Structures are given as C-alpha cells and as structure tokens.
Amino acid sequence: MSQQQEIFATTADEIPGYMVIQILGIVVGTSLLYKKFDLNKEEEAKKFLELSEKARIVAMNEMIKKAKEFNSNAIISVRFDSHRINDEYDEIIAYGTAVKVIKNIH
C-alpha cells in the first residue's frame, strides 16, 4: 500500500460494505491549543473556536500519519478528547484503531 493512499477514518466501529481483516493497533495524534488572548469576549470566543478547529485537524492528521506507519487503510472508533495542561494550553487528542479493511463481496 502506498504511503500516499488516503485513509478512511470514522467514529463508527465498522465501515458498511467493508470487513476488517486485521487490527493493527491504537493510533493517537495530539496538538496544543493556546487559549489566552487579549481580545474582547466576542473576538476571543471567535478566535478560540477557529483555533480549536485547527487543533482538531492537526491532531487528526497526526493520527492518520501514524496509521500510515502501520500500513493501515482505515481508522475505526475515532474519538477526540482534551486535557488541560495549564491556564494557557489544552492538549487536543485524536485516537482510534488502525485497521486493514477489504470491500465485502456479498
């Protein structure tokens, strides 16, 4: 499988039309979210939402990168979590199970 191949990621435990043929392991991606701003409340909320989305994307991309290292073609049971590091930073975590799937022939 090429390292450039896309990986299907889902929060579901299975992918309709596909069968898991191998469980390769847990994959985790993380990113940091800076949450201290010198803005008014409305601007701060908007900036926080924007940066939160970017942090989730970074964590997801890191998780996918690790799944590719397993030679996976899918990630099932994807979840997101966060952990407060201090008053300025949160850690954003994306995790799931890297698997190999094949299309069902039935």
PDB file of N, CA and C in Angstrom:
ATOM      1  N   MET A   1       0.841  -1.182   0.000  1.00  0.00           N
ATOM      2  CA  MET A   1       0.000   0.000   0.000  1.00  0.00           C
ATOM      3  C   MET A   1       0.882   1.241   0.000  1.00  0.00           C
ATOM      4  N   SER A   2       0.585   2.172  -0.824  1.00  0.00           N
ATOM      5  CA  SER A   2       1.351   3.417  -0.934  1.00  0.00           C
ATOM      6  C   SER A   2       1.157   4.300   0.287  1.00  0.00           C
ATOM      7  N   GLN A   3       2.229   4.992   0.703  1.00  0.00           N
ATOM      8  CA  GLN A   3       2.124   5.945   1.806  1.00  0.00           C
ATOM      9  C   GLN A   3       1.208   7.111   1.440  1.00  0.00           C
ATOM     10  N   GLN A   4       0.978   7.329   0.136  1.00  0.00           N
ATOM     11  CA  GLN A   4       0.141   8.434  -0.315  1.00  0.00           C
ATOM     12  C   GLN A   4      -1.343   8.074  -0.311  1.00  0.00           C
ATOM     13  N   GLN A   5      -1.682   6.814  -0.113  1.00  0.00           N
ATOM     14  CA  GLN A   5      -3.075   6.394  -0.144  1.00  0.00           C
ATOM     15  C   GLN A   5      -3.855   7.034   0.996  1.00  0.00           C
ATOM     16  N   GLU A   6      -5.073   7.452   0.683  1.00  0.00           N
ATOM     17  CA  GLU A   6      -5.936   8.040   1.696  1.00  0.00           C
ATOM     18  C   GLU A   6      -6.378   6.972   2.689  1.00  0.00           C
ATOM     19  N   ILE A   7      -6.608   7.415   3.906  1.00  0.00           N
ATOM     20  CA  ILE A   7      -7.094   6.524   4.954  1.00  0.00           C
ATOM     21  C   ILE A   7      -8.505   6.948   5.317  1.00  0.00           C
ATOM     22  N   PHE A   8      -9.410   5.981   5.351  1.00  0.00           N
ATOM     23  CA  PHE A   8     -10.782   6.248   5.746  1.00  0.00           C
ATOM     24  C   PHE A   8     -10.830   6.261   7.265  1.00  0.00           C
ATOM     25  N   ALA A   9     -11.361   7.327   7.853  1.00  0.00           N
ATOM     26  CA  ALA A   9     -11.474   7.430   9.308  1.00  0.00           C
ATOM     27  C   ALA A   9     -12.933   7.663   9.680  1.00  0.00           C
ATOM     28  N   THR A  10     -13.401   6.940  10.686  1.00  0.00           N
ATOM     29  CA  THR A  10     -14.794   7.044  11.104  1.00  0.00           C
ATOM     30  C   THR A  10     -14.932   6.866  12.609  1.00  0.00           C
ATOM     31  N   THR A  11     -15.975   7.479  13.160  1.00  0.00           N
ATOM     32  CA  THR A  11     -16.272   7.282  14.582  1.00  0.00           C
ATOM     33  C   THR A  11     -16.994   5.957  14.812  1.00  0.00           C
ATOM     34  N   ALA A  12     -17.473   5.343  13.742  1.00  0.00           N
ATOM     35  CA  ALA A  12     -18.171   4.061  13.853  1.00  0.00           C
ATOM     36  C   ALA A  12     -17.179   2.940  14.159  1.00  0.00           C
ATOM     37  N   ASP A  13     -17.709   1.839  14.682  1.00  0.00           N
ATOM     38  CA  ASP A  13     -16.870   0.685  14.997  1.00  0.00           C
ATOM     39  C   ASP A  13     -16.686  -0.245  13.802  1.00  0.00           C
ATOM     40  N   GLU A  14     -17.415   0.018  12.735  1.00  0.00           N
ATOM     41  CA  GLU A  14     -17.269  -0.751  11.500  1.00  0.00           C
ATOM     42  C   GLU A  14     -17.615   0.158  10.331  1.00  0.00           C
ATOM     43  N   ILE A  15     -17.242  -0.264   9.140  1.00  0.00           N
ATOM     44  CA  ILE A  15     -17.491   0.520   7.932  1.00  0.00           C
ATOM     45  C   ILE A  15     -18.435  -0.293   7.049  1.00  0.00           C
ATOM     46  N   PRO A  16     -19.646   0.210   6.811  1.00  0.00           N
ATOM     47  CA  PRO A  16     -20.592  -0.533   5.971  1.00  0.00           C
ATOM     48  C   PRO A  16     -19.977  -0.860   4.608  1.00  0.00           C
ATOM     49  N   GLY A  17     -20.130  -2.117   4.216  1.00  0.00           N
ATOM     50  CA  GLY A  17     -19.598  -2.555   2.926  1.00  0.00           C
ATOM     51  C   GLY A  17     -18.161  -3.034   2.979  1.00  0.00           C
ATOM     52  N   TYR A  18     -17.546  -2.953   4.159  1.00  0.00           N
ATOM     53  CA  TYR A  18     -16.153  -3.379   4.315  1.00  0.00           C
ATOM     54  C   TYR A  18     -16.030  -4.345   5.487  1.00  0.00           C
ATOM     55  N   MET A  19     -14.997  -5.166   5.433  1.00  0.00           N
ATOM     56  CA  MET A  19     -14.727  -6.113   6.502  1.00  0.00           C
ATOM     57  C   MET A  19     -13.314  -5.868   7.037  1.00  0.00           C
ATOM     58  N   VAL A  20     -13.208  -5.795   8.360  1.00  0.00           N
ATOM     59  CA  VAL A  20     -11.896  -5.655   8.990  1.00  0.00           C
ATOM     60  C   VAL A  20     -11.188  -6.997   8.890  1.00  0.00           C
ATOM     61  N   ILE A  21      -9.997  -6.991   8.292  1.00  0.00           N
ATOM     62  CA  ILE A  21      -9.234  -8.241   8.176  1.00  0.00           C
ATOM     63  C   ILE A  21      -8.035  -8.267   9.123  1.00  0.00           C
ATOM     64  N   GLN A  22      -7.675  -7.097   9.655  1.00  0.00           N
ATOM     65  CA  GLN A  22      -6.550  -7.058  10.588  1.00  0.00           C
ATOM     66  C   GLN A  22      -6.655  -5.808  11.457  1.00  0.00           C
ATOM     67  N   ILE A  23      -6.514  -6.002  12.765  1.00  0.00           N
ATOM     68  CA  ILE A  23      -6.437  -4.879  13.699  1.00  0.00           C
ATOM     69  C   ILE A  23      -4.958  -4.612  13.930  1.00  0.00           C
ATOM     70  N   LEU A  24      -4.534  -3.385  13.646  1.00  0.00           N
ATOM     71  CA  LEU A  24      -3.109  -3.057  13.686  1.00  0.00           C
ATOM     72  C   LEU A  24      -2.684  -2.346  14.962  1.00  0.00           C
ATOM     73  N   GLY A  25      -3.622  -1.744  15.660  1.00  0.00           N
ATOM     74  CA  GLY A  25      -3.279  -1.107  16.926  1.00  0.00           C
ATOM     75  C   GLY A  25      -3.908   0.268  17.086  1.00  0.00           C
ATOM     76  N   ILE A  26      -3.715   0.821  18.263  1.00  0.00           N
ATOM     77  CA  ILE A  26      -4.236   2.148  18.591  1.00  0.00           C
ATOM     78  C   ILE A  26      -3.316   3.203  17.995  1.00  0.00           C
ATOM     79  N   VAL A  27      -3.923   4.222  17.404  1.00  0.00           N
ATOM     80  CA  VAL A  27      -3.156   5.358  16.889  1.00  0.00           C
ATOM     81  C   VAL A  27      -3.659   6.626  17.575  1.00  0.00           C
ATOM     82  N   VAL A  28      -2.708   7.505  17.899  1.00  0.00           N
ATOM     83  CA  VAL A  28      -3.016   8.730  18.636  1.00  0.00           C
ATOM     84  C   VAL A  28      -2.322   9.903  17.961  1.00  0.00           C
ATOM     85  N   GLY A  29      -3.027  11.002  17.859  1.00  0.00           N
ATOM     86  CA  GLY A  29      -2.446  12.254  17.387  1.00  0.00           C
ATOM     87  C   GLY A  29      -2.773  13.346  18.387  1.00  0.00           C
ATOM     88  N   THR A  30      -1.843  14.260  18.609  1.00  0.00           N
ATOM     89  CA  THR A  30      -2.075  15.331  19.572  1.00  0.00           C
ATOM     90  C   THR A  30      -1.701  16.683  18.977  1.00  0.00           C
ATOM     91  N   SER A  31      -2.254  17.719  19.568  1.00  0.00           N
ATOM     92  CA  SER A  31      -1.864  19.090  19.237  1.00  0.00           C
ATOM     93  C   SER A  31      -2.134  19.959  20.459  1.00  0.00           C
ATOM     94  N   LEU A  32      -1.546  21.136  20.459  1.00  0.00           N
ATOM     95  CA  LEU A  32      -1.745  22.077  21.556  1.00  0.00           C
ATOM     96  C   LEU A  32      -2.661  23.202  21.112  1.00  0.00           C
ATOM     97  N   LEU A  33      -3.525  23.621  22.022  1.00  0.00           N
ATOM     98  CA  LEU A  33      -4.437  24.727  21.771  1.00  0.00           C
ATOM     99  C   LEU A  33      -4.112  25.842  22.751  1.00  0.00           C
ATOM    100  N   TYR A  34      -3.655  26.971  22.211  1.00  0.00           N
ATOM    101  CA  TYR A  34      -3.364  28.148  23.031  1.00  0.00           C
ATOM    102  C   TYR A  34      -4.676  28.872  23.272  1.00  0.00           C
ATOM    103  N   LYS A  35      -4.949  29.248  24.517  1.00  0.00           N
ATOM    104  CA  LYS A  35      -6.261  29.817  24.815  1.00  0.00           C
ATOM    105  C   LYS A  35      -6.229  31.130  25.590  1.00  0.00           C
ATOM    106  N   LYS A  36      -5.119  31.843  25.552  1.00  0.00           N
ATOM    107  CA  LYS A  36      -5.036  33.161  26.202  1.00  0.00           C
ATOM    108  C   LYS A  36      -4.965  34.236  25.129  1.00  0.00           C
ATOM    109  N   PHE A  37      -5.905  35.146  25.169  1.00  0.00           N
ATOM    110  CA  PHE A  37      -5.954  36.218  24.182  1.00  0.00           C
ATOM    111  C   PHE A  37      -6.201  37.544  24.888  1.00  0.00           C
ATOM    112  N   ASP A  38      -5.724  38.612  24.295  1.00  0.00           N
ATOM    113  CA  ASP A  38      -6.006  39.958  24.786  1.00  0.00           C
ATOM    114  C   ASP A  38      -7.034  40.598  23.862  1.00  0.00           C
ATOM    115  N   LEU A  39      -8.220  39.995  23.814  1.00  0.00           N
ATOM    116  CA  LEU A  39      -9.292  40.460  22.942  1.00  0.00           C
ATOM    117  C   LEU A  39     -10.564  40.627  23.764  1.00  0.00           C
ATOM    118  N   ASN A  40     -11.556  41.303  23.182  1.00  0.00           N
ATOM    119  CA  ASN A  40     -12.840  41.370  23.879  1.00  0.00           C
ATOM    120  C   ASN A  40     -13.496  39.993  23.830  1.00  0.00           C
ATOM    121  N   LYS A  41     -14.527  39.779  24.628  1.00  0.00           N
ATOM    122  CA  LYS A  41     -15.138  38.445  24.775  1.00  0.00           C
ATOM    123  C   LYS A  41     -15.614  37.858  23.442  1.00  0.00           C
ATOM    124  N   GLU A  42     -16.245  38.682  22.616  1.00  0.00           N
ATOM    125  CA  GLU A  42     -16.754  38.181  21.335  1.00  0.00           C
ATOM    126  C   GLU A  42     -15.615  37.772  20.409  1.00  0.00           C
ATOM    127  N   GLU A  43     -14.595  38.611  20.311  1.00  0.00           N
ATOM    128  CA  GLU A  43     -13.439  38.288  19.467  1.00  0.00           C
ATOM    129  C   GLU A  43     -12.700  37.074  20.011  1.00  0.00           C
ATOM    130  N   GLU A  44     -12.611  36.994  21.345  1.00  0.00           N
ATOM    131  CA  GLU A  44     -11.915  35.876  21.979  1.00  0.00           C
ATOM    132  C   GLU A  44     -12.628  34.557  21.685  1.00  0.00           C
ATOM    133  N   ALA A  45     -13.948  34.549  21.782  1.00  0.00           N
ATOM    134  CA  ALA A  45     -14.722  33.337  21.505  1.00  0.00           C
ATOM    135  C   ALA A  45     -14.541  32.908  20.050  1.00  0.00           C
ATOM    136  N   LYS A  46     -14.587  33.858  19.139  1.00  0.00           N
ATOM    137  CA  LYS A  46     -14.417  33.554  17.716  1.00  0.00           C
ATOM    138  C   LYS A  46     -13.022  32.986  17.450  1.00  0.00           C
ATOM    139  N   LYS A  47     -12.001  33.604  18.022  1.00  0.00           N
ATOM    140  CA  LYS A  47     -10.620  33.151  17.842  1.00  0.00           C
ATOM    141  C   LYS A  47     -10.429  31.754  18.443  1.00  0.00           C
ATOM    142  N   PHE A  48     -11.015  31.525  19.626  1.00  0.00           N
ATOM    143  CA  PHE A  48     -10.901  30.229  20.285  1.00  0.00           C
ATOM    144  C   PHE A  48     -11.529  29.128  19.426  1.00  0.00           C
ATOM    145  N   LEU A  49     -12.710  29.385  18.865  1.00  0.00           N
ATOM    146  CA  LEU A  49     -13.364  28.391  18.007  1.00  0.00           C
ATOM    147  C   LEU A  49     -12.527  28.092  16.768  1.00  0.00           C
ATOM    148  N   GLU A  50     -11.964  29.135  16.182  1.00  0.00           N
ATOM    149  CA  GLU A  50     -11.111  28.972  14.999  1.00  0.00           C
ATOM    150  C   GLU A  50      -9.882  28.122  15.322  1.00  0.00           C
ATOM    151  N   LEU A  51      -9.224  28.434  16.429  1.00  0.00           N
ATOM    152  CA  LEU A  51      -8.024  27.686  16.813  1.00  0.00           C
ATOM    153  C   LEU A  51      -8.356  26.268  17.270  1.00  0.00           C
ATOM    154  N   SER A  52      -9.532  26.084  17.882  1.00  0.00           N
ATOM    155  CA  SER A  52      -9.962  24.745  18.294  1.00  0.00           C
ATOM    156  C   SER A  52     -10.120  23.834  17.087  1.00  0.00           C
ATOM    157  N   GLU A  53     -10.739  24.360  16.038  1.00  0.00           N
ATOM    158  CA  GLU A  53     -10.916  23.581  14.810  1.00  0.00           C
ATOM    159  C   GLU A  53      -9.562  23.214  14.207  1.00  0.00           C
ATOM    160  N   LYS A  54      -8.652  24.170  14.165  1.00  0.00           N
ATOM    161  CA  LYS A  54      -7.313  23.898  13.627  1.00  0.00           C
ATOM    162  C   LYS A  54      -6.593  22.848  14.467  1.00  0.00           C
ATOM    163  N   ALA A  55      -6.721  22.928  15.788  1.00  0.00           N
ATOM    164  CA  ALA A  55      -6.067  21.961  16.677  1.00  0.00           C
ATOM    165  C   ALA A  55      -6.618  20.559  16.453  1.00  0.00           C
ATOM    166  N   ARG A  56      -7.932  20.430  16.242  1.00  0.00           N
ATOM    167  CA  ARG A  56      -8.522  19.115  15.957  1.00  0.00           C
ATOM    168  C   ARG A  56      -8.000  18.558  14.634  1.00  0.00           C
ATOM    169  N   ILE A  57      -7.875  19.425  13.632  1.00  0.00           N
ATOM    170  CA  ILE A  57      -7.366  18.983  12.328  1.00  0.00           C
ATOM    171  C   ILE A  57      -5.921  18.507  12.449  1.00  0.00           C
ATOM    172  N   VAL A  58      -5.100  19.247  13.192  1.00  0.00           N
ATOM    173  CA  VAL A  58      -3.698  18.846  13.392  1.00  0.00           C
ATOM    174  C   VAL A  58      -3.636  17.496  14.100  1.00  0.00           C
ATOM    175  N   ALA A  59      -4.427  17.320  15.165  1.00  0.00           N
ATOM    176  CA  ALA A  59      -4.434  16.052  15.902  1.00  0.00           C
ATOM    177  C   ALA A  59      -4.892  14.906  14.999  1.00  0.00           C
ATOM    178  N   MET A  60      -5.922  15.150  14.206  1.00  0.00           N
ATOM    179  CA  MET A  60      -6.433  14.128  13.285  1.00  0.00           C
ATOM    180  C   MET A  60      -5.372  13.754  12.250  1.00  0.00           C
ATOM    181  N   ASN A  61      -4.707  14.753  11.685  1.00  0.00           N
ATOM    182  CA  ASN A  61      -3.655  14.481  10.695  1.00  0.00           C
ATOM    183  C   ASN A  61      -2.496  13.703  11.298  1.00  0.00           C
ATOM    184  N   GLU A  62      -2.147  14.000  12.545  1.00  0.00           N
ATOM    185  CA  GLU A  62      -1.087  13.243  13.233  1.00  0.00           C
ATOM    186  C   GLU A  62      -1.510  11.792  13.433  1.00  0.00           C
ATOM    187  N   MET A  63      -2.779  11.582  13.797  1.00  0.00           N
ATOM    188  CA  MET A  63      -3.294  10.228  13.979  1.00  0.00           C
ATOM    189  C   MET A  63      -3.240   9.464  12.648  1.00  0.00           C
ATOM    190  N   ILE A  64      -3.651  10.109  11.570  1.00  0.00           N
ATOM    191  CA  ILE A  64      -3.629   9.477  10.245  1.00  0.00           C
ATOM    192  C   ILE A  64      -2.197   9.146   9.829  1.00  0.00           C
ATOM    193  N   LYS A  65      -1.271  10.056  10.097  1.00  0.00           N
ATOM    194  CA  LYS A  65       0.144   9.809   9.783  1.00  0.00           C
ATOM    195  C   LYS A  65       0.642   8.548  10.493  1.00  0.00           C
ATOM    196  N   LYS A  66       0.270   8.390  11.751  1.00  0.00           N
ATOM    197  CA  LYS A  66       0.693   7.198  12.499  1.00  0.00           C
ATOM    198  C   LYS A  66       0.025   5.940  11.956  1.00  0.00           C
ATOM    199  N   ALA A  67      -1.226   6.058  11.525  1.00  0.00           N
ATOM    200  CA  ALA A  67      -1.916   4.902  10.936  1.00  0.00           C
ATOM    201  C   ALA A  67      -1.223   4.460   9.652  1.00  0.00           C
ATOM    202  N   LYS A  68      -0.734   5.412   8.866  1.00  0.00           N
ATOM    203  CA  LYS A  68       0.002   5.072   7.640  1.00  0.00           C
ATOM    204  C   LYS A  68       1.285   4.317   7.964  1.00  0.00           C
ATOM    205  N   GLU A  69       1.904   4.647   9.098  1.00  0.00           N
ATOM    206  CA  GLU A  69       3.114   3.926   9.518  1.00  0.00           C
ATOM    207  C   GLU A  69       2.803   2.462   9.823  1.00  0.00           C
ATOM    208  N   PHE A  70       1.556   2.170  10.212  1.00  0.00           N
ATOM    209  CA  PHE A  70       1.101   0.796  10.443  1.00  0.00           C
ATOM    210  C   PHE A  70       0.702   0.110   9.136  1.00  0.00           C
ATOM    211  N   ASN A  71       0.747   0.860   8.021  1.00  0.00           N
ATOM    212  CA  ASN A  71       0.278   0.373   6.724  1.00  0.00           C
ATOM    213  C   ASN A  71      -1.226   0.092   6.759  1.00  0.00           C
ATOM    214  N   SER A  72      -1.938   0.935   7.483  1.00  0.00           N
ATOM    215  CA  SER A  72      -3.384   0.829   7.639  1.00  0.00           C
ATOM    216  C   SER A  72      -4.097   1.493   6.467  1.00  0.00           C
ATOM    217  N   ASN A  73      -5.316   1.055   6.178  1.00  0.00           N
ATOM    218  CA  ASN A  73      -6.120   1.767   5.185  1.00  0.00           C
ATOM    219  C   ASN A  73      -7.411   2.328   5.775  1.00  0.00           C
ATOM    220  N   ALA A  74      -7.573   2.175   7.102  1.00  0.00           N
ATOM    221  CA  ALA A  74      -8.743   2.745   7.774  1.00  0.00           C
ATOM    222  C   ALA A  74      -8.466   2.904   9.270  1.00  0.00           C
ATOM    223  N   ILE A  75      -9.206   3.827   9.864  1.00  0.00           N
ATOM    224  CA  ILE A  75      -9.180   4.008  11.318  1.00  0.00           C
ATOM    225  C   ILE A  75     -10.628   3.987  11.773  1.00  0.00           C
ATOM    226  N   ILE A  76     -10.944   3.076  12.691  1.00  0.00           N
ATOM    227  CA  ILE A  76     -12.303   2.989  13.221  1.00  0.00           C
ATOM    228  C   ILE A  76     -12.318   3.469  14.670  1.00  0.00           C
ATOM    229  N   SER A  77     -13.514   3.729  15.165  1.00  0.00           N
ATOM    230  CA  SER A  77     -13.727   4.149  16.559  1.00  0.00           C
ATOM    231  C   SER A  77     -12.959   5.421  16.900  1.00  0.00           C
ATOM    232  N   VAL A  78     -12.914   6.366  15.965  1.00  0.00           N
ATOM    233  CA  VAL A  78     -12.184   7.618  16.193  1.00  0.00           C
ATOM    234  C   VAL A  78     -12.887   8.442  17.269  1.00  0.00           C
ATOM    235  N   ARG A  79     -12.093   8.975  18.177  1.00  0.00           N
ATOM    236  CA  ARG A  79     -12.599   9.834  19.252  1.00  0.00           C
ATOM    237  C   ARG A  79     -11.664  11.023  19.410  1.00  0.00           C
ATOM    238  N   PHE A  80     -12.212  12.091  19.977  1.00  0.00           N
ATOM    239  CA  PHE A  80     -11.431  13.273  20.327  1.00  0.00           C
ATOM    240  C   PHE A  80     -11.568  13.500  21.817  1.00  0.00           C
ATOM    241  N   ASP A  81     -10.511  14.020  22.418  1.00  0.00           N
ATOM    242  CA  ASP A  81     -10.525  14.349  23.838  1.00  0.00           C
ATOM    243  C   ASP A  81      -9.623  15.556  24.034  1.00  0.00           C
ATOM    244  N   SER A  82      -9.686  16.131  25.209  1.00  0.00           N
ATOM    245  CA  SER A  82      -8.788  17.245  25.520  1.00  0.00           C
ATOM    246  C   SER A  82      -8.337  17.130  26.965  1.00  0.00           C
ATOM    247  N   HIS A  83      -7.207  17.734  27.221  1.00  0.00           N
ATOM    248  CA  HIS A  83      -6.605  17.688  28.547  1.00  0.00           C
ATOM    249  C   HIS A  83      -6.033  19.072  28.845  1.00  0.00           C
ATOM    250  N   ARG A  84      -6.400  19.623  29.969  1.00  0.00           N
ATOM    251  CA  ARG A  84      -5.872  20.930  30.351  1.00  0.00           C
ATOM    252  C   ARG A  84      -4.441  20.771  30.843  1.00  0.00           C
ATOM    253  N   ILE A  85      -3.534  21.486  30.209  1.00  0.00           N
ATOM    254  CA  ILE A  85      -2.134  21.452  30.618  1.00  0.00           C
ATOM    255  C   ILE A  85      -1.884  22.522  31.670  1.00  0.00           C
ATOM    256  N   ASN A  86      -2.349  23.736  31.374  1.00  0.00           N
ATOM    257  CA  ASN A  86      -2.265  24.856  32.319  1.00  0.00           C
ATOM    258  C   ASN A  86      -3.287  25.902  31.884  1.00  0.00           C
ATOM    259  N   ASP A  87      -3.217  27.103  32.455  1.00  0.00           N
ATOM    260  CA  ASP A  87      -4.194  28.141  32.116  1.00  0.00           C
ATOM    261  C   ASP A  87      -4.104  28.609  30.671  1.00  0.00           C
ATOM    262  N   GLU A  88      -2.987  28.359  30.021  1.00  0.00           N
ATOM    263  CA  GLU A  88      -2.793  28.844  28.657  1.00  0.00           C
ATOM    264  C   GLU A  88      -2.969  27.784  27.582  1.00  0.00           C
ATOM    265  N   TYR A  89      -2.776  26.521  27.916  1.00  0.00           N
ATOM    266  CA  TYR A  89      -2.774  25.475  26.891  1.00  0.00           C
ATOM    267  C   TYR A  89      -3.664  24.292  27.259  1.00  0.00           C
ATOM    268  N   ASP A  90      -4.326  23.771  26.232  1.00  0.00           N
ATOM    269  CA  ASP A  90      -5.011  22.486  26.305  1.00  0.00           C
ATOM    270  C   ASP A  90      -4.352  21.565  25.285  1.00  0.00           C
ATOM    271  N   GLU A  91      -4.303  20.287  25.604  1.00  0.00           N
ATOM    272  CA  GLU A  91      -3.843  19.288  24.645  1.00  0.00           C
ATOM    273  C   GLU A  91      -5.085  18.690  23.987  1.00  0.00           C
ATOM    274  N   ILE A  92      -5.111  18.668  22.675  1.00  0.00           N
ATOM    275  CA  ILE A  92      -6.205  18.065  21.918  1.00  0.00           C
ATOM    276  C   ILE A  92      -5.715  16.710  21.413  1.00  0.00           C
ATOM    277  N   ILE A  93      -6.517  15.685  21.635  1.00  0.00           N
ATOM    278  CA  ILE A  93      -6.115  14.318  21.329  1.00  0.00           C
ATOM    279  C   ILE A  93      -7.132  13.684  20.374  1.00  0.00           C
ATOM    280  N   ALA A  94      -6.634  13.075  19.311  1.00  0.00           N
ATOM    281  CA  ALA A  94      -7.455  12.264  18.406  1.00  0.00           C
ATOM    282  C   ALA A  94      -6.917  10.840  18.500  1.00  0.00           C
ATOM    283  N   TYR A  95      -7.818   9.868  18.661  1.00  0.00           N
ATOM    284  CA  TYR A  95      -7.349   8.485  18.749  1.00  0.00           C
ATOM    285  C   TYR A  95      -8.370   7.537  18.134  1.00  0.00           C
ATOM    286  N   GLY A  96      -7.882   6.401  17.720  1.00  0.00           N
ATOM    287  CA  GLY A  96      -8.737   5.388  17.123  1.00  0.00           C
ATOM    288  C   GLY A  96      -7.960   4.098  16.924  1.00  0.00           C
ATOM    289  N   THR A  97      -8.582   3.157  16.251  1.00  0.00           N
ATOM    290  CA  THR A  97      -7.967   1.859  15.994  1.00  0.00           C
ATOM    291  C   THR A  97      -7.610   1.749  14.514  1.00  0.00           C
ATOM    292  N   ALA A  98      -6.325   1.591  14.236  1.00  0.00           N
ATOM    293  CA  ALA A  98      -5.855   1.406  12.860  1.00  0.00           C
ATOM    294  C   ALA A  98      -6.165  -0.026  12.441  1.00  0.00           C
ATOM    295  N   VAL A  99      -6.761  -0.162  11.261  1.00  0.00           N
ATOM    296  CA  VAL A  99      -7.145  -1.481  10.759  1.00  0.00           C
ATOM    297  C   VAL A  99      -6.864  -1.580   9.265  1.00  0.00           C
ATOM    298  N   LYS A 100      -6.870  -2.812   8.789  1.00  0.00           N
ATOM    299  CA  LYS A 100      -6.886  -3.075   7.348  1.00  0.00           C
ATOM    300  C   LYS A 100      -8.286  -3.588   7.041  1.00  0.00           C
ATOM    301  N   VAL A 101      -8.883  -3.016   6.006  1.00  0.00           N
ATOM    302  CA  VAL A 101     -10.212  -3.452   5.598  1.00  0.00           C
ATOM    303  C   VAL A 101     -10.193  -3.847   4.124  1.00  0.00           C
ATOM    304  N   ILE A 102     -11.132  -4.718   3.769  1.00  0.00           N
ATOM    305  CA  ILE A 102     -11.358  -5.060   2.365  1.00  0.00           C
ATOM    306  C   ILE A 102     -12.845  -4.907   2.084  1.00  0.00           C
ATOM    307  N   LYS A 103     -13.156  -4.637   0.835  1.00  0.00           N
ATOM    308  CA  LYS A 103     -14.552  -4.481   0.427  1.00  0.00           C
ATOM    309  C   LYS A 103     -15.248  -5.839   0.510  1.00  0.00           C
ATOM    310  N   ASN A 104     -16.446  -5.843   1.110  1.00  0.00           N
ATOM    311  CA  ASN A 104     -17.250  -7.072   1.149  1.00  0.00           C
ATOM    312  C   ASN A 104     -17.652  -7.461  -0.259  1.00  0.00           C
ATOM    313  N   ILE A 105     -17.630  -8.745  -0.538  1.00  0.00           N
ATOM    314  CA  ILE A 105     -18.022  -9.200  -1.872  1.00  0.00           C
ATOM    315  C   ILE A 105     -19.454  -9.726  -1.889  1.00  0.00           C
ATOM    316  N   HIS A 106     -20.141  -9.692  -0.786  1.00  0.00           N
ATOM    317  CA  HIS A 106     -21.528 -10.189  -0.702  1.00  0.00           C
ATOM    318  C   HIS A 106     -22.497  -9.158  -1.171  1.00  0.00           C
TER     319      HIS A 106
END
